[in-house]
């Protein structure tokens, strides 16, 4: 039966998490909630507005949708590039260096775990800073594409005043009709962010690597994810099916609360930093 902690101090919550997880090593599965303290909004948090993300089918099947997406992304992606890791990201990196965390599976595309110093990160949903050609499969940097898009649309960004940044480096714009999209410079194919869209599957090798990481861990801690999508929830089910402790740290209910060993309703950064202190003082 799941044990739920409500409104405890970060240190009290961390002590309970430490008790459940043991000495580790454990795998951390992170979602958008860990990046909210860096200024990146959460898609499904308790206070998040409704969102309708573009699907893979829409992006591939409709040039108008693609133009709209790239126009929005051209504005929003650099806002994400300018964000910095918060104390939650840094705490996970500290736990990895201490041998408590063996690796991070992240549903985020913001690359903030890398920036914080985590050494073993699997980007389940891809990365915002890379672009892939759907024709020749060439991968290029988002920075290089930004140069090309700016050349094609020199005044576009200056004309946009109202921008909302979303977790996928997207942004909301009023009009994108005049935006010009860049094709692959190698083959002329369609370019797509190297991100797993709704309606698209996580690449199988990536999934198998993530399962292996869970197989070799003593437990799993979920940080800042509602586990709404199966791409992350399956690893919780996998760990629980192996009889390993599963701790969920998240503001609000998740779709795996019923199989978790412990759920903690608290802010990610505060509890993770307290968890570092707890493990270091008990060694």
Protein backbone atom coordinates (compact mmCIF):
# COMPACT_ATOMS: atom_id res chain seq x y z
CA UNK A 1 0.00 0.00 0.00
CA UNK A 2 1.32 3.42 -0.94
CA UNK A 3 2.46 5.69 1.86
CA UNK A 4 1.89 9.39 1.13
CA UNK A 5 3.66 12.29 2.83
CA UNK A 6 1.88 15.66 2.84
CA UNK A 7 3.22 19.04 4.00
CA UNK A 8 6.34 17.70 5.72
CA UNK A 9 9.50 19.78 5.86
CA UNK A 10 12.09 18.99 3.17
CA UNK A 11 14.38 17.40 5.75
CA UNK A 12 11.60 15.18 7.13
CA UNK A 13 10.58 14.16 3.63
CA UNK A 14 14.19 13.42 2.69
CA UNK A 15 14.67 11.24 5.76
CA UNK A 16 11.64 9.16 4.80
CA UNK A 17 12.80 8.89 1.18
CA UNK A 18 16.22 7.75 2.39
CA UNK A 19 14.59 5.14 4.60
CA UNK A 20 12.59 3.73 1.68
CA UNK A 21 15.31 3.81 -0.98
CA UNK A 22 18.12 2.53 1.19
CA UNK A 23 21.75 2.94 0.19
CA UNK A 24 21.05 2.69 -3.54
CA UNK A 25 22.14 3.08 -6.19
CA UNK A 26 18.82 4.20 -7.62
CA UNK A 27 17.70 5.54 -10.97
CA UNK A 28 16.04 8.97 -11.13
CA UNK A 29 13.18 9.45 -13.60
CA UNK A 30 12.54 13.16 -14.08
CA UNK A 31 9.77 15.20 -15.67
CA UNK A 32 8.89 18.82 -16.28
CA UNK A 33 8.33 19.48 -12.58
CA UNK A 34 12.05 19.45 -11.84
CA UNK A 35 12.63 22.30 -14.30
CA UNK A 36 9.93 24.70 -13.11
CA UNK A 37 12.39 26.32 -10.70
CA UNK A 38 14.49 27.15 -13.77
CA UNK A 39 11.57 29.06 -15.26
CA UNK A 40 10.34 26.40 -17.68
CA UNK A 41 6.58 25.83 -17.26
CA UNK A 42 5.18 22.39 -16.52
CA UNK A 43 2.71 20.95 -19.03
CA UNK A 44 0.61 19.09 -16.47
CA UNK A 45 1.30 20.63 -13.07
CA UNK A 46 -1.56 21.62 -10.77
CA UNK A 47 -1.40 25.26 -11.90
CA UNK A 48 -0.57 24.68 -15.57
CA UNK A 49 -2.91 26.04 -18.27
CA UNK A 50 -4.38 23.62 -20.83
CA UNK A 51 -2.06 22.93 -23.74
CA UNK A 52 -2.54 21.21 -27.09
CA UNK A 53 0.90 20.13 -28.32
CA UNK A 54 1.42 19.38 -31.99
CA UNK A 55 1.41 15.69 -32.87
CA UNK A 56 3.92 13.87 -35.04
CA UNK A 57 1.20 13.20 -37.61
CA UNK A 58 0.36 16.90 -37.86
CA UNK A 59 4.01 17.89 -38.21
CA UNK A 60 4.79 15.33 -40.91
CA UNK A 61 1.53 15.56 -42.81
CA UNK A 62 0.88 19.29 -43.10
CA UNK A 63 3.32 21.96 -44.32
CA UNK A 64 1.20 24.66 -42.65
CA UNK A 65 1.55 22.96 -39.28
CA UNK A 66 5.30 22.64 -39.81
CA UNK A 67 5.62 26.32 -40.70
CA UNK A 68 3.62 27.28 -37.63
CA UNK A 69 5.74 25.04 -35.43
CA UNK A 70 9.10 26.31 -36.69
CA UNK A 71 7.97 29.93 -36.40
CA UNK A 72 7.02 29.39 -32.78
CA UNK A 73 10.10 27.33 -32.04
CA UNK A 74 12.36 29.94 -33.65
CA UNK A 75 11.23 32.35 -30.95
CA UNK A 76 11.00 29.95 -28.03
CA UNK A 77 14.03 27.70 -28.32
CA UNK A 78 16.60 30.30 -27.32
CA UNK A 79 14.65 31.14 -24.19
CA UNK A 80 15.17 27.55 -23.08
CA UNK A 81 18.83 27.72 -24.14
CA UNK A 82 19.27 30.67 -21.78
CA UNK A 83 17.88 28.83 -18.74
CA UNK A 84 20.16 27.44 -16.05
CA UNK A 85 19.98 24.31 -13.90
CA UNK A 86 18.32 24.75 -10.53
CA UNK A 87 19.22 23.18 -7.20
CA UNK A 88 17.16 20.10 -7.99
CA UNK A 89 19.26 19.35 -11.07
CA UNK A 90 22.45 20.06 -9.13
CA UNK A 91 21.34 17.86 -6.24
CA UNK A 92 20.80 14.87 -8.56
CA UNK A 93 24.29 15.41 -9.97
CA UNK A 94 25.65 15.50 -6.41
CA UNK A 95 23.81 12.26 -5.60
CA UNK A 96 25.30 10.64 -8.69
CA UNK A 97 28.81 11.68 -7.68
CA UNK A 98 28.12 10.23 -4.22
CA UNK A 99 27.10 6.89 -5.75
CA UNK A 100 23.47 7.14 -4.62
CA UNK A 101 22.05 7.79 -8.10
CA UNK A 102 23.33 5.57 -10.90
CA UNK A 103 21.75 7.54 -13.72
CA UNK A 104 18.93 9.80 -14.86
CA UNK A 105 16.09 8.98 -17.22
CA UNK A 106 14.54 12.28 -18.21
CA UNK A 107 11.35 13.05 -20.08
CA UNK A 108 12.57 16.64 -20.47
CA UNK A 109 14.30 17.96 -23.57
CA UNK A 110 15.92 20.98 -21.89
CA UNK A 111 19.40 19.37 -21.33
CA UNK A 112 19.58 20.89 -17.83
CA UNK A 113 20.76 17.62 -16.26
CA UNK A 114 23.83 17.72 -18.48
CA UNK A 115 24.41 21.36 -17.62
CA UNK A 116 24.17 20.54 -13.91
CA UNK A 117 26.87 17.89 -14.17
CA UNK A 118 24.96 14.60 -14.33
CA UNK A 119 27.21 12.15 -16.18
CA UNK A 120 24.78 9.40 -17.14
CA UNK A 121 21.60 10.80 -18.69
CA UNK A 122 19.18 9.14 -21.10
CA UNK A 123 17.04 11.74 -22.89
CA UNK A 124 13.90 9.67 -23.40
CA UNK A 125 12.14 12.32 -25.45
CA UNK A 126 15.20 13.70 -27.21
CA UNK A 127 16.89 17.10 -26.92
CA UNK A 128 15.79 20.56 -27.96
CA UNK A 129 19.31 21.48 -29.11
CA UNK A 130 19.41 19.01 -32.02
CA UNK A 131 17.57 18.79 -35.35
CA UNK A 132 17.13 15.67 -37.48
CA UNK A 133 16.31 15.29 -41.17
CA UNK A 134 13.41 12.90 -41.77
CA UNK A 135 14.92 12.02 -45.14
CA UNK A 136 18.65 11.34 -44.75
CA UNK A 137 18.55 11.24 -40.89
CA UNK A 138 21.41 13.74 -40.62
CA UNK A 139 21.57 15.40 -37.20
CA UNK A 140 22.60 19.05 -36.86
CA UNK A 141 22.60 21.54 -34.03
CA UNK A 142 19.65 23.79 -33.33
CA UNK A 143 22.11 26.68 -33.16
CA UNK A 144 23.15 26.10 -36.78
CA UNK A 145 19.50 25.98 -37.88
CA UNK A 146 18.84 29.23 -36.02
CA UNK A 147 21.38 30.97 -38.23
CA UNK A 148 19.65 29.70 -41.37
CA UNK A 149 16.16 30.59 -40.12
CA UNK A 150 17.30 34.08 -39.19
CA UNK A 151 18.72 34.56 -42.68
CA UNK A 152 15.39 33.46 -44.17
CA UNK A 153 13.34 35.53 -41.71
CA UNK A 154 15.56 38.49 -40.71
CA UNK A 155 12.91 40.61 -39.02
CA UNK A 156 10.56 37.95 -37.69
CA UNK A 157 11.76 37.80 -34.07
CA UNK A 158 11.77 41.59 -33.75
CA UNK A 159 8.07 41.75 -34.64
CA UNK A 160 6.98 39.31 -31.92
CA UNK A 161 6.23 40.88 -28.57
CA UNK A 162 4.09 38.32 -26.74
CA UNK A 163 5.86 35.01 -26.25
CA UNK A 164 5.04 32.15 -23.90
CA UNK A 165 7.79 29.62 -23.36
CA UNK A 166 6.77 25.97 -23.14
CA UNK A 167 8.74 22.89 -21.98
CA UNK A 168 9.54 21.84 -25.54
CA UNK A 169 11.24 25.14 -26.45
CA UNK A 170 8.05 26.18 -28.20
CA UNK A 171 6.33 29.56 -27.98
CA UNK A 172 2.90 30.93 -28.72
CA UNK A 173 2.60 33.49 -31.51
CA UNK A 174 -0.39 35.22 -33.02
CA UNK A 175 0.55 34.84 -36.69
CA UNK A 176 3.09 32.78 -38.60
CA UNK A 177 1.86 33.02 -42.19
CA UNK A 178 4.94 34.81 -43.53
CA UNK A 179 7.53 32.58 -41.89
CA UNK A 180 9.90 30.70 -44.23
CA UNK A 181 10.96 27.18 -43.22
CA UNK A 182 14.44 25.75 -43.87
CA UNK A 183 14.87 22.30 -45.43
CA UNK A 184 17.78 19.90 -44.94
CA UNK A 185 20.91 21.44 -46.43
CA UNK A 186 22.16 17.98 -47.45
CA UNK A 187 19.17 16.37 -49.15
CA UNK A 188 16.36 18.95 -49.08
CA UNK A 189 14.31 16.80 -46.74
CA UNK A 190 11.99 17.84 -43.93
CA UNK A 191 13.73 18.98 -40.74
CA UNK A 192 12.29 18.10 -37.35
CA UNK A 193 13.50 18.84 -33.84
CA UNK A 194 15.21 15.74 -32.43
CA UNK A 195 12.33 15.42 -29.99
CA UNK A 196 9.77 12.63 -29.57
CA UNK A 197 6.39 14.13 -30.42
CA UNK A 198 2.97 12.99 -29.24
CA UNK A 199 2.04 10.08 -31.49
CA UNK A 200 5.69 9.11 -31.99
CA UNK A 201 7.55 6.29 -30.23
CA UNK A 202 10.71 6.59 -28.18
CA UNK A 203 13.45 4.84 -30.24
CA UNK A 204 13.73 1.18 -29.17
CA UNK A 205 17.50 1.24 -28.42
CA UNK A 206 16.89 4.15 -26.04
CA UNK A 207 14.08 2.25 -24.30
CA UNK A 208 16.21 -0.88 -23.92
CA UNK A 209 19.10 1.14 -22.47
CA UNK A 210 16.71 2.70 -19.96
CA UNK A 211 15.31 -0.69 -18.94
CA UNK A 212 18.85 -1.92 -18.42
CA UNK A 213 19.60 1.03 -16.19
CA UNK A 214 16.56 0.19 -14.05
CA UNK A 215 17.50 -3.52 -14.01
CA UNK A 216 20.90 -2.71 -12.50
CA UNK A 217 19.55 -0.31 -9.87
CA UNK A 218 18.25 -0.99 -6.38
CA UNK A 219 15.27 1.32 -6.76
CA UNK A 220 13.67 4.20 -8.62
CA UNK A 221 12.85 7.76 -7.65
CA UNK A 222 10.44 9.78 -9.81
CA UNK A 223 10.99 13.53 -9.66
CA UNK A 224 8.51 16.07 -11.01
CA UNK A 225 6.44 13.89 -13.34
CA UNK A 226 2.73 13.15 -13.37
CA UNK A 227 3.60 9.97 -15.31
CA UNK A 228 0.70 10.67 -17.65
CA UNK A 229 2.48 9.29 -20.71
CA UNK A 230 3.49 5.64 -20.97
CA UNK A 231 7.02 6.48 -22.12
CA UNK A 232 7.98 7.21 -18.51
CA UNK A 233 5.40 5.26 -16.56
CA UNK A 234 6.57 1.92 -17.97
CA UNK A 235 9.85 2.20 -16.04
CA UNK A 236 7.96 2.70 -12.79
CA UNK A 237 5.92 -0.42 -13.53
CA UNK A 238 9.12 -2.26 -14.46
CA UNK A 239 10.84 -1.39 -11.18
CA UNK A 240 7.75 -2.16 -9.10
CA UNK A 241 7.35 -5.47 -10.92
CA UNK A 242 10.86 -6.39 -9.79
CA UNK A 243 9.92 -5.66 -6.19
CA UNK A 244 12.16 -2.59 -6.01
CA UNK A 245 11.20 0.48 -3.96
CA UNK A 246 9.64 3.30 -5.96
CA UNK A 247 9.45 6.82 -4.55
CA UNK A 248 7.47 9.55 -6.33
CA UNK A 249 8.30 13.18 -5.53
CA UNK A 250 5.77 15.41 -7.27
CA UNK A 251 3.30 18.22 -6.66
CA UNK A 252 -0.05 16.62 -7.40
CA UNK A 253 -1.24 13.09 -8.09
CA UNK A 254 0.40 10.82 -10.67
CA UNK A 255 -0.77 7.84 -12.67
CA UNK A 256 1.51 5.50 -10.72
CA UNK A 257 0.66 6.50 -7.16
CA UNK A 258 -1.08 3.16 -6.66
CA UNK A 259 2.10 1.15 -7.25
CA UNK A 260 4.60 3.48 -5.56
CA UNK A 261 6.15 2.56 -2.23
CA UNK A 262 6.10 6.21 -1.15
CA UNK A 263 4.70 9.41 -2.64
CA UNK A 264 5.89 12.81 -1.47
CA UNK A 265 3.87 15.97 -2.19
CA UNK A 266 6.56 18.61 -2.09
CA UNK A 267 8.85 20.80 -4.21
CA UNK A 268 11.56 18.92 -6.07
CA UNK A 269 14.52 21.20 -5.41
CA UNK A 270 14.02 21.47 -1.66
CA UNK A 271 13.63 17.75 -1.04
CA UNK A 272 16.46 16.73 -3.36
CA UNK A 273 18.88 19.13 -1.68
CA UNK A 274 17.79 17.81 1.72
CA UNK A 275 18.27 14.29 0.36
CA UNK A 276 21.89 15.07 -0.50
CA UNK A 277 22.44 16.26 3.06
CA UNK A 278 20.70 13.17 4.46
CA UNK A 279 22.85 10.72 2.50
CA UNK A 280 26.10 12.55 3.21
CA UNK A 281 25.48 12.71 6.96
CA UNK A 282 24.48 9.03 7.20
CA UNK A 283 27.56 7.66 5.46
